[in-house]
Amino acid sequence: MLDGALSQLDLTLQELAATVQDQRGLSAPAEPLDLRSVAEEVLLGLRAQVQETGATVELNFEAAPSLTYGRANLRSILHNLLSNALKFVDPQRSPVITVQSALASAGRPTLTLQDNGLGMVVPEAPAPVFQPFTRQHPHIGGAGVGMYLVQRIITSRGGHLDVASTVGEGTTFTIHWFDE
């Protein structure tokens, strides 16, 4: 039991250190980025989890192939969303994760990540969806800071994150990069 507790504490400290480093990078300089290239870079780092879960990851960035954003911020957002989709798979079905871009009204870019995982209960607006150290599936490892960080990065750059989810069916995250 003690080893388990120490392992969880170590994981929590590592995630907190990563969060502080990422928050320092909230002001990363914006540059034109190819979404497919950045997503494939992130997926390369997650290839062990993709293989372990047997997930199918579909990327479709034809509608809006590029984004002017901070590279570190975009990598952090995609890493957290994809790693969570891989972490919270439903053991009853093969995991399918779809990531696609679109142009919303006024030509503003959006990014949607949809999975068929465990799903979660989404609190009603206007409260922020993710609070630090809040976890919906405590039986799965984690510290509850990743999605809080994603939400912070997006809002710090003038955007917002929409979440739709059904327990037992999956979750859809939609990032509106710049609010109208």
N, C-alpha and C. Protein backbone atom coordinates (compact mmCIF):
# COMPACT_ATOMS: atom_id res chain seq x y z
N MET A 1 0.82 -1.20 0.00
CA MET A 1 0.00 0.00 0.00
C MET A 1 0.86 1.26 0.00
N LEU A 2 1.93 1.21 0.79
CA LEU A 2 2.81 2.36 0.86
C LEU A 2 3.48 2.62 -0.48
N ASP A 3 3.92 1.55 -1.16
CA ASP A 3 4.51 1.72 -2.49
C ASP A 3 3.53 2.35 -3.46
N GLY A 4 2.28 1.91 -3.41
CA GLY A 4 1.25 2.47 -4.28
C GLY A 4 1.03 3.95 -4.00
N ALA A 5 0.97 4.30 -2.72
CA ALA A 5 0.78 5.70 -2.34
C ALA A 5 1.95 6.56 -2.77
N LEU A 6 3.17 6.05 -2.60
CA LEU A 6 4.36 6.79 -3.02
C LEU A 6 4.40 6.96 -4.54
N SER A 7 4.00 5.93 -5.26
CA SER A 7 3.97 6.03 -6.72
C SER A 7 2.97 7.09 -7.17
N GLN A 8 1.80 7.12 -6.52
CA GLN A 8 0.79 8.13 -6.87
C GLN A 8 1.27 9.52 -6.53
N LEU A 9 1.96 9.67 -5.38
CA LEU A 9 2.50 10.97 -5.00
C LEU A 9 3.56 11.42 -5.99
N ASP A 10 4.43 10.50 -6.41
CA ASP A 10 5.45 10.83 -7.40
C ASP A 10 4.81 11.28 -8.71
N LEU A 11 3.78 10.56 -9.17
CA LEU A 11 3.08 10.94 -10.39
C LEU A 11 2.46 12.32 -10.26
N THR A 12 1.85 12.60 -9.12
CA THR A 12 1.23 13.90 -8.88
C THR A 12 2.27 15.01 -8.93
N LEU A 13 3.42 14.79 -8.30
CA LEU A 13 4.47 15.80 -8.31
C LEU A 13 5.02 16.03 -9.71
N GLN A 14 5.18 14.96 -10.49
CA GLN A 14 5.64 15.10 -11.86
C GLN A 14 4.64 15.90 -12.70
N GLU A 15 3.36 15.62 -12.53
CA GLU A 15 2.34 16.35 -13.28
C GLU A 15 2.27 17.80 -12.85
N LEU A 16 2.45 18.08 -11.56
CA LEU A 16 2.46 19.46 -11.09
C LEU A 16 3.65 20.22 -11.66
N ALA A 17 4.82 19.58 -11.70
CA ALA A 17 6.00 20.21 -12.28
C ALA A 17 5.77 20.50 -13.76
N ALA A 18 5.17 19.57 -14.47
CA ALA A 18 4.87 19.77 -15.89
C ALA A 18 3.87 20.91 -16.06
N THR A 19 2.90 21.00 -15.16
CA THR A 19 1.90 22.06 -15.22
C THR A 19 2.55 23.43 -15.04
N VAL A 20 3.44 23.55 -14.07
CA VAL A 20 4.13 24.82 -13.84
C VAL A 20 4.95 25.19 -15.07
N GLN A 21 5.67 24.22 -15.63
CA GLN A 21 6.47 24.49 -16.83
C GLN A 21 5.57 24.92 -17.98
N ASP A 22 4.45 24.23 -18.16
CA ASP A 22 3.54 24.58 -19.24
C ASP A 22 2.92 25.96 -19.03
N GLN A 23 2.58 26.29 -17.78
CA GLN A 23 1.98 27.60 -17.52
C GLN A 23 2.98 28.72 -17.77
N ARG A 24 4.25 28.45 -17.56
CA ARG A 24 5.27 29.44 -17.90
C ARG A 24 5.28 29.66 -19.40
N GLY A 25 4.89 28.64 -20.14
CA GLY A 25 4.87 28.73 -21.60
C GLY A 25 3.56 29.24 -22.16
N LEU A 26 2.65 29.69 -21.31
CA LEU A 26 1.36 30.20 -21.80
C LEU A 26 1.55 31.36 -22.77
N SER A 27 2.67 32.06 -22.62
CA SER A 27 2.91 33.19 -23.51
C SER A 27 3.83 32.81 -24.67
N ALA A 28 3.88 31.53 -25.03
CA ALA A 28 4.71 31.09 -26.15
C ALA A 28 4.34 31.90 -27.38
N PRO A 29 5.35 32.31 -28.16
CA PRO A 29 5.06 33.15 -29.33
C PRO A 29 4.22 32.39 -30.36
N ALA A 30 3.27 33.11 -30.93
CA ALA A 30 2.41 32.51 -31.96
C ALA A 30 3.17 32.44 -33.27
N GLU A 31 2.94 31.36 -34.00
CA GLU A 31 3.55 31.16 -35.31
C GLU A 31 2.60 30.32 -36.13
N PRO A 32 2.68 30.40 -37.46
CA PRO A 32 1.81 29.55 -38.29
C PRO A 32 2.22 28.08 -38.11
N LEU A 33 1.24 27.23 -37.78
CA LEU A 33 1.51 25.81 -37.52
C LEU A 33 0.64 24.94 -38.41
N ASP A 34 1.22 23.87 -38.90
CA ASP A 34 0.49 22.86 -39.65
C ASP A 34 -0.12 21.89 -38.64
N LEU A 35 -1.43 21.85 -38.53
CA LEU A 35 -2.09 21.03 -37.52
C LEU A 35 -1.74 19.55 -37.64
N ARG A 36 -1.74 19.02 -38.85
CA ARG A 36 -1.41 17.60 -39.05
C ARG A 36 -0.01 17.29 -38.53
N SER A 37 0.94 18.13 -38.86
CA SER A 37 2.31 17.91 -38.45
C SER A 37 2.45 17.88 -36.93
N VAL A 38 1.82 18.84 -36.25
CA VAL A 38 1.90 18.89 -34.79
C VAL A 38 1.17 17.69 -34.18
N ALA A 39 0.00 17.33 -34.71
CA ALA A 39 -0.75 16.19 -34.19
C ALA A 39 0.04 14.89 -34.38
N GLU A 40 0.66 14.72 -35.52
CA GLU A 40 1.45 13.51 -35.76
C GLU A 40 2.67 13.45 -34.85
N GLU A 41 3.26 14.61 -34.57
CA GLU A 41 4.38 14.69 -33.63
C GLU A 41 3.94 14.22 -32.24
N VAL A 42 2.78 14.69 -31.80
CA VAL A 42 2.25 14.30 -30.48
C VAL A 42 1.93 12.80 -30.47
N LEU A 43 1.30 12.32 -31.54
CA LEU A 43 0.96 10.90 -31.62
C LEU A 43 2.20 10.01 -31.63
N LEU A 44 3.28 10.48 -32.19
CA LEU A 44 4.52 9.71 -32.17
C LEU A 44 4.97 9.48 -30.73
N GLY A 45 4.84 10.50 -29.90
CA GLY A 45 5.17 10.36 -28.49
C GLY A 45 4.21 9.47 -27.72
N LEU A 46 3.00 9.29 -28.25
CA LEU A 46 1.98 8.47 -27.59
C LEU A 46 1.82 7.11 -28.26
N ARG A 47 2.73 6.74 -29.16
CA ARG A 47 2.56 5.52 -29.95
C ARG A 47 2.42 4.27 -29.09
N ALA A 48 3.13 4.22 -27.95
CA ALA A 48 3.02 3.04 -27.07
C ALA A 48 1.59 2.89 -26.56
N GLN A 49 0.96 4.00 -26.14
CA GLN A 49 -0.42 3.95 -25.65
C GLN A 49 -1.40 3.61 -26.78
N VAL A 50 -1.14 4.15 -27.97
CA VAL A 50 -2.00 3.85 -29.11
C VAL A 50 -1.95 2.35 -29.41
N GLN A 51 -0.75 1.79 -29.43
CA GLN A 51 -0.59 0.36 -29.70
C GLN A 51 -1.19 -0.50 -28.58
N GLU A 52 -0.93 -0.10 -27.34
CA GLU A 52 -1.42 -0.86 -26.19
C GLU A 52 -2.95 -0.94 -26.17
N THR A 53 -3.60 0.16 -26.51
CA THR A 53 -5.07 0.19 -26.48
C THR A 53 -5.69 -0.32 -27.78
N GLY A 54 -4.89 -0.39 -28.84
CA GLY A 54 -5.43 -0.79 -30.15
C GLY A 54 -6.31 0.29 -30.75
N ALA A 55 -6.05 1.54 -30.38
CA ALA A 55 -6.89 2.65 -30.83
C ALA A 55 -6.70 2.97 -32.30
N THR A 56 -7.78 3.39 -32.91
CA THR A 56 -7.75 3.96 -34.25
C THR A 56 -7.84 5.46 -34.08
N VAL A 57 -6.85 6.18 -34.61
CA VAL A 57 -6.85 7.64 -34.51
C VAL A 57 -6.99 8.20 -35.92
N GLU A 58 -8.06 8.95 -36.14
CA GLU A 58 -8.34 9.55 -37.45
C GLU A 58 -8.09 11.04 -37.37
N LEU A 59 -7.27 11.55 -38.29
CA LEU A 59 -6.97 12.99 -38.34
C LEU A 59 -7.54 13.57 -39.62
N ASN A 60 -8.27 14.68 -39.49
CA ASN A 60 -8.84 15.34 -40.66
C ASN A 60 -8.72 16.86 -40.45
N PHE A 61 -7.73 17.43 -41.12
CA PHE A 61 -7.49 18.86 -40.98
C PHE A 61 -7.69 19.61 -42.29
N GLU A 62 -8.43 19.02 -43.21
CA GLU A 62 -8.62 19.64 -44.52
C GLU A 62 -9.37 20.96 -44.46
N ALA A 63 -10.35 21.08 -43.57
CA ALA A 63 -11.17 22.30 -43.52
C ALA A 63 -10.38 23.51 -43.01
N ALA A 64 -9.45 23.27 -42.11
CA ALA A 64 -8.60 24.34 -41.57
C ALA A 64 -7.25 23.72 -41.24
N PRO A 65 -6.36 23.63 -42.23
CA PRO A 65 -5.10 22.89 -42.05
C PRO A 65 -4.06 23.58 -41.18
N SER A 66 -4.18 24.88 -40.97
CA SER A 66 -3.15 25.56 -40.19
C SER A 66 -3.78 26.46 -39.13
N LEU A 67 -2.95 26.85 -38.18
CA LEU A 67 -3.39 27.68 -37.06
C LEU A 67 -2.21 28.52 -36.62
N THR A 68 -2.43 29.78 -36.38
CA THR A 68 -1.39 30.63 -35.81
C THR A 68 -1.56 30.58 -34.29
N TYR A 69 -0.58 29.94 -33.64
CA TYR A 69 -0.70 29.65 -32.20
C TYR A 69 0.70 29.37 -31.67
N GLY A 70 0.85 29.30 -30.38
CA GLY A 70 2.11 28.91 -29.79
C GLY A 70 2.32 27.40 -29.92
N ARG A 71 3.48 26.99 -30.47
CA ARG A 71 3.74 25.56 -30.69
C ARG A 71 3.67 24.76 -29.38
N ALA A 72 4.31 25.24 -28.33
CA ALA A 72 4.30 24.52 -27.06
C ALA A 72 2.88 24.39 -26.52
N ASN A 73 2.09 25.45 -26.69
CA ASN A 73 0.71 25.42 -26.21
C ASN A 73 -0.12 24.40 -26.99
N LEU A 74 0.01 24.41 -28.31
CA LEU A 74 -0.75 23.47 -29.13
C LEU A 74 -0.34 22.03 -28.83
N ARG A 75 0.95 21.79 -28.68
CA ARG A 75 1.42 20.44 -28.35
C ARG A 75 0.85 19.98 -27.00
N SER A 76 0.85 20.87 -26.02
CA SER A 76 0.33 20.53 -24.70
C SER A 76 -1.16 20.21 -24.76
N ILE A 77 -1.91 21.02 -25.49
CA ILE A 77 -3.36 20.79 -25.63
C ILE A 77 -3.61 19.44 -26.29
N LEU A 78 -2.97 19.20 -27.44
CA LEU A 78 -3.19 17.94 -28.15
C LEU A 78 -2.72 16.74 -27.33
N HIS A 79 -1.59 16.89 -26.66
CA HIS A 79 -1.08 15.78 -25.84
C HIS A 79 -2.06 15.41 -24.73
N ASN A 80 -2.56 16.41 -24.03
CA ASN A 80 -3.50 16.13 -22.94
C ASN A 80 -4.79 15.52 -23.45
N LEU A 81 -5.35 16.07 -24.53
CA LEU A 81 -6.61 15.54 -25.05
C LEU A 81 -6.43 14.11 -25.57
N LEU A 82 -5.37 13.88 -26.33
CA LEU A 82 -5.15 12.54 -26.89
C LEU A 82 -4.78 11.53 -25.81
N SER A 83 -3.92 11.91 -24.89
CA SER A 83 -3.53 10.95 -23.84
C SER A 83 -4.72 10.60 -22.95
N ASN A 84 -5.60 11.57 -22.70
CA ASN A 84 -6.81 11.27 -21.92
C ASN A 84 -7.74 10.33 -22.70
N ALA A 85 -7.89 10.58 -23.99
CA ALA A 85 -8.74 9.70 -24.79
C ALA A 85 -8.20 8.28 -24.77
N LEU A 86 -6.88 8.14 -24.75
CA LEU A 86 -6.26 6.81 -24.69
C LEU A 86 -6.33 6.21 -23.28
N LYS A 87 -6.29 7.06 -22.28
CA LYS A 87 -6.32 6.59 -20.89
C LYS A 87 -7.72 6.13 -20.49
N PHE A 88 -8.75 6.83 -20.98
CA PHE A 88 -10.12 6.56 -20.54
C PHE A 88 -10.92 5.79 -21.58
N VAL A 89 -10.28 4.79 -22.20
CA VAL A 89 -10.98 3.94 -23.17
C VAL A 89 -11.98 3.05 -22.45
N ASP A 90 -13.03 2.69 -23.14
CA ASP A 90 -14.02 1.76 -22.62
C ASP A 90 -13.55 0.35 -22.97
N PRO A 91 -13.33 -0.50 -21.98
CA PRO A 91 -12.82 -1.84 -22.27
C PRO A 91 -13.79 -2.71 -23.07
N GLN A 92 -15.03 -2.26 -23.23
CA GLN A 92 -16.05 -3.03 -23.95
C GLN A 92 -16.03 -2.83 -25.46
N ARG A 93 -15.22 -1.86 -25.95
CA ARG A 93 -15.20 -1.60 -27.39
C ARG A 93 -13.82 -1.10 -27.82
N SER A 94 -13.55 -1.25 -29.11
CA SER A 94 -12.30 -0.76 -29.67
C SER A 94 -12.31 0.76 -29.67
N PRO A 95 -11.24 1.37 -29.17
CA PRO A 95 -11.21 2.83 -29.11
C PRO A 95 -11.04 3.48 -30.48
N VAL A 96 -11.85 4.49 -30.73
CA VAL A 96 -11.76 5.30 -31.94
C VAL A 96 -11.70 6.76 -31.50
N ILE A 97 -10.66 7.45 -31.98
CA ILE A 97 -10.47 8.86 -31.65
C ILE A 97 -10.41 9.63 -32.96
N THR A 98 -11.24 10.66 -33.08
CA THR A 98 -11.27 11.48 -34.28
C THR A 98 -10.88 12.90 -33.92
N VAL A 99 -9.91 13.44 -34.65
CA VAL A 99 -9.48 14.82 -34.45
C VAL A 99 -9.68 15.54 -35.77
N GLN A 100 -10.45 16.63 -35.75
CA GLN A 100 -10.67 17.35 -37.00
C GLN A 100 -10.80 18.85 -36.76
N SER A 101 -10.40 19.59 -37.77
CA SER A 101 -10.50 21.04 -37.72
C SER A 101 -11.70 21.47 -38.54
N ALA A 102 -12.13 22.68 -38.29
CA ALA A 102 -13.24 23.26 -39.06
C ALA A 102 -13.12 24.78 -38.97
N LEU A 103 -13.91 25.44 -39.78
CA LEU A 103 -14.03 26.89 -39.70
C LEU A 103 -15.44 27.20 -39.24
N ALA A 104 -15.55 27.88 -38.13
CA ALA A 104 -16.85 28.27 -37.59
C ALA A 104 -17.26 29.59 -38.24
N SER A 105 -18.29 30.20 -37.70
CA SER A 105 -18.76 31.48 -38.24
C SER A 105 -17.63 32.51 -38.23
N ALA A 106 -17.68 33.38 -39.17
CA ALA A 106 -16.67 34.44 -39.34
C ALA A 106 -15.29 33.87 -39.63
N GLY A 107 -15.23 32.62 -40.07
CA GLY A 107 -13.96 32.02 -40.45
C GLY A 107 -13.04 31.69 -39.30
N ARG A 108 -13.58 31.61 -38.11
CA ARG A 108 -12.76 31.30 -36.93
C ARG A 108 -12.51 29.80 -36.86
N PRO A 109 -11.24 29.40 -36.60
CA PRO A 109 -10.92 27.98 -36.58
C PRO A 109 -11.40 27.28 -35.30
N THR A 110 -11.78 26.03 -35.46
CA THR A 110 -12.12 25.17 -34.32
C THR A 110 -11.39 23.85 -34.49
N LEU A 111 -11.25 23.14 -33.39
CA LEU A 111 -10.68 21.80 -33.42
C LEU A 111 -11.57 20.93 -32.54
N THR A 112 -11.95 19.77 -33.07
CA THR A 112 -12.80 18.85 -32.32
C THR A 112 -12.08 17.53 -32.15
N LEU A 113 -12.09 17.03 -30.93
CA LEU A 113 -11.56 15.69 -30.64
C LEU A 113 -12.71 14.90 -30.03
N GLN A 114 -13.03 13.78 -30.68
CA GLN A 114 -14.14 12.94 -30.23
C GLN A 114 -13.62 11.54 -29.97
N ASP A 115 -14.06 10.95 -28.85
CA ASP A 115 -13.68 9.57 -28.55
C ASP A 115 -14.91 8.76 -28.17
N ASN A 116 -14.76 7.45 -28.13
CA ASN A 116 -15.86 6.57 -27.71
C ASN A 116 -15.50 5.88 -26.40
N GLY A 117 -14.88 6.64 -25.51
CA GLY A 117 -14.40 6.12 -24.24
C GLY A 117 -15.46 6.06 -23.16
N LEU A 118 -14.99 6.17 -21.91
CA LEU A 118 -15.85 6.03 -20.74
C LEU A 118 -16.87 7.15 -20.59
N GLY A 119 -16.55 8.34 -21.14
CA GLY A 119 -17.44 9.48 -20.96
C GLY A 119 -17.33 10.04 -19.55
N MET A 120 -18.02 11.15 -19.32
CA MET A 120 -17.98 11.79 -18.01
C MET A 120 -19.19 12.67 -17.82
N VAL A 121 -19.38 13.07 -16.57
CA VAL A 121 -20.46 14.00 -16.23
C VAL A 121 -19.91 15.40 -16.41
N VAL A 122 -20.58 16.21 -17.22
CA VAL A 122 -20.13 17.58 -17.48
C VAL A 122 -20.99 18.53 -16.65
N PRO A 123 -20.33 19.35 -15.79
CA PRO A 123 -21.11 20.30 -14.99
C PRO A 123 -21.74 21.37 -15.88
N GLU A 124 -22.82 21.94 -15.39
CA GLU A 124 -23.51 22.97 -16.17
C GLU A 124 -22.74 24.27 -16.16
N ALA A 125 -22.78 24.99 -17.29
CA ALA A 125 -22.14 26.30 -17.41
C ALA A 125 -22.83 27.26 -16.44
N PRO A 126 -22.28 28.35 -16.04
CA PRO A 126 -21.08 28.99 -16.55
C PRO A 126 -19.81 28.59 -15.83
N ALA A 127 -19.86 27.71 -14.85
CA ALA A 127 -18.65 27.32 -14.12
C ALA A 127 -17.64 26.68 -15.07
N PRO A 128 -16.34 26.90 -14.83
CA PRO A 128 -15.34 26.21 -15.65
C PRO A 128 -15.52 24.69 -15.52
N VAL A 129 -15.38 24.00 -16.63
CA VAL A 129 -15.61 22.56 -16.63
C VAL A 129 -14.58 21.83 -15.78
N PHE A 130 -13.33 22.25 -15.86
CA PHE A 130 -12.26 21.52 -15.18
C PHE A 130 -11.63 22.34 -14.07
N GLN A 131 -11.58 21.75 -12.90
CA GLN A 131 -10.94 22.33 -11.74
C GLN A 131 -9.70 21.50 -11.43
N PRO A 132 -8.65 22.12 -10.88
CA PRO A 132 -7.45 21.33 -10.58
C PRO A 132 -7.75 20.24 -9.55
N PHE A 133 -7.14 19.10 -9.74
CA PHE A 133 -7.21 17.93 -8.85
C PHE A 133 -8.59 17.29 -8.79
N THR A 134 -9.44 17.61 -9.76
CA THR A 134 -10.75 17.00 -9.83
C THR A 134 -10.69 15.89 -10.86
N ARG A 135 -11.15 14.68 -10.46
CA ARG A 135 -11.07 13.54 -11.35
C ARG A 135 -12.41 12.83 -11.37
N GLN A 136 -12.81 12.38 -12.56
CA GLN A 136 -14.09 11.69 -12.71
C GLN A 136 -13.96 10.18 -12.60
N HIS A 137 -12.78 9.67 -12.90
CA HIS A 137 -12.56 8.22 -12.88
C HIS A 137 -11.38 7.91 -11.97
N PRO A 138 -11.59 7.93 -10.63
CA PRO A 138 -10.48 7.76 -9.70
C PRO A 138 -9.80 6.39 -9.79
N HIS A 139 -10.46 5.42 -10.42
CA HIS A 139 -9.84 4.10 -10.55
C HIS A 139 -8.75 4.08 -11.61
N ILE A 140 -8.61 5.17 -12.37
CA ILE A 140 -7.57 5.29 -13.39
C ILE A 140 -6.59 6.36 -12.92
N GLY A 141 -5.30 6.07 -13.01
CA GLY A 141 -4.26 6.95 -12.51
C GLY A 141 -4.29 8.34 -13.11
N GLY A 142 -3.81 9.30 -12.33
CA GLY A 142 -3.72 10.69 -12.78
C GLY A 142 -3.88 11.62 -11.60
N ALA A 143 -3.52 12.88 -11.82
CA ALA A 143 -3.59 13.86 -10.74
C ALA A 143 -4.71 14.87 -10.92
N GLY A 144 -5.34 14.90 -12.08
CA GLY A 144 -6.44 15.84 -12.30
C GLY A 144 -5.99 17.25 -12.62
N VAL A 145 -4.83 17.39 -13.27
CA VAL A 145 -4.37 18.73 -13.63
C VAL A 145 -4.29 18.95 -15.13
N GLY A 146 -4.26 17.91 -15.93
CA GLY A 146 -4.08 18.04 -17.38
C GLY A 146 -5.16 18.84 -18.06
N MET A 147 -6.42 18.51 -17.82
CA MET A 147 -7.51 19.21 -18.49
C MET A 147 -7.69 20.62 -17.94
N TYR A 148 -7.36 20.81 -16.68
CA TYR A 148 -7.37 22.17 -16.12
C TYR A 148 -6.36 23.03 -16.89
N LEU A 149 -5.18 22.47 -17.15
CA LEU A 149 -4.16 23.19 -17.89
C LEU A 149 -4.63 23.49 -19.31
N VAL A 150 -5.23 22.51 -19.98
CA VAL A 150 -5.75 22.72 -21.33
C VAL A 150 -6.72 23.89 -21.33
N GLN A 151 -7.65 23.88 -20.41
CA GLN A 151 -8.64 24.95 -20.32
C GLN A 151 -7.96 26.31 -20.10
N ARG A 152 -6.94 26.34 -19.23
CA ARG A 152 -6.21 27.59 -18.96
C ARG A 152 -5.50 28.11 -20.19
N ILE A 153 -4.82 27.22 -20.92
CA ILE A 153 -4.09 27.64 -22.12
C ILE A 153 -5.06 28.24 -23.14
N ILE A 154 -6.15 27.55 -23.36
CA ILE A 154 -7.12 28.01 -24.37
C ILE A 154 -7.71 29.36 -24.00
N THR A 155 -8.14 29.52 -22.75
CA THR A 155 -8.75 30.79 -22.35
C THR A 155 -7.72 31.91 -22.29
N SER A 156 -6.47 31.58 -21.96
CA SER A 156 -5.44 32.63 -21.90
C SER A 156 -5.14 33.20 -23.28
N ARG A 157 -5.47 32.45 -24.33
CA ARG A 157 -5.24 32.89 -25.71
C ARG A 157 -6.53 33.40 -26.37
N GLY A 158 -7.57 33.63 -25.55
CA GLY A 158 -8.79 34.23 -26.09
C GLY A 158 -9.78 33.25 -26.68
N GLY A 159 -9.69 31.97 -26.34
CA GLY A 159 -10.62 30.98 -26.85
C GLY A 159 -11.43 30.36 -25.73
N HIS A 160 -12.18 29.34 -26.08
CA HIS A 160 -12.89 28.59 -25.05
C HIS A 160 -13.06 27.13 -25.47
N LEU A 161 -13.32 26.30 -24.49
CA LEU A 161 -13.43 24.86 -24.67
C LEU A 161 -14.85 24.42 -24.35
N ASP A 162 -15.49 23.75 -25.32
CA ASP A 162 -16.81 23.16 -25.09
C ASP A 162 -16.63 21.66 -24.89
N VAL A 163 -17.41 21.10 -23.99
CA VAL A 163 -17.33 19.66 -23.72
C VAL A 163 -18.74 19.08 -23.75
N ALA A 164 -18.90 18.01 -24.51
CA ALA A 164 -20.16 17.25 -24.53
C ALA A 164 -19.78 15.81 -24.26
N SER A 165 -20.48 15.17 -23.34
CA SER A 165 -20.11 13.81 -22.99
C SER A 165 -21.31 13.04 -22.46
N THR A 166 -21.27 11.75 -22.71
CA THR A 166 -22.27 10.85 -22.17
C THR A 166 -21.53 9.68 -21.55
N VAL A 167 -21.79 9.43 -20.27
CA VAL A 167 -21.14 8.32 -19.58
C VAL A 167 -21.46 7.03 -20.32
N GLY A 168 -20.43 6.26 -20.62
CA GLY A 168 -20.60 4.99 -21.31
C GLY A 168 -20.62 5.09 -22.83
N GLU A 169 -20.55 6.33 -23.36
CA GLU A 169 -20.57 6.51 -24.81
C GLU A 169 -19.37 7.25 -25.35
N GLY A 170 -18.86 8.24 -24.62
CA GLY A 170 -17.70 8.98 -25.08
C GLY A 170 -17.82 10.46 -24.84
N THR A 171 -16.79 11.17 -25.31
CA THR A 171 -16.67 12.60 -25.06
C THR A 171 -16.24 13.33 -26.32
N THR A 172 -16.76 14.54 -26.49
CA THR A 172 -16.35 15.41 -27.58
C THR A 172 -15.89 16.74 -27.00
N PHE A 173 -14.65 17.10 -27.33
CA PHE A 173 -14.09 18.39 -26.94
C PHE A 173 -14.05 19.26 -28.19
N THR A 174 -14.54 20.49 -28.10
CA THR A 174 -14.45 21.42 -29.22
C THR A 174 -13.73 22.66 -28.72
N ILE A 175 -12.62 22.97 -29.38
CA ILE A 175 -11.84 24.14 -29.04
C ILE A 175 -12.18 25.25 -30.03
N HIS A 176 -12.65 26.35 -29.49
CA HIS A 176 -12.88 27.57 -30.28
C HIS A 176 -11.64 28.41 -30.01
N TRP A 177 -10.73 28.44 -30.95
CA TRP A 177 -9.42 29.05 -30.72
C TRP A 177 -9.50 30.52 -30.34
N PHE A 178 -10.43 31.25 -30.96
CA PHE A 178 -10.54 32.68 -30.67
C PHE A 178 -12.02 33.00 -30.56
N ASP A 179 -12.41 33.56 -29.42
CA ASP A 179 -13.83 33.89 -29.23
C ASP A 179 -14.24 35.02 -30.17
N GLU A 180 -15.50 34.95 -30.52
CA GLU A 180 -16.05 35.97 -31.41
C GLU A 180 -16.59 37.14 -30.60
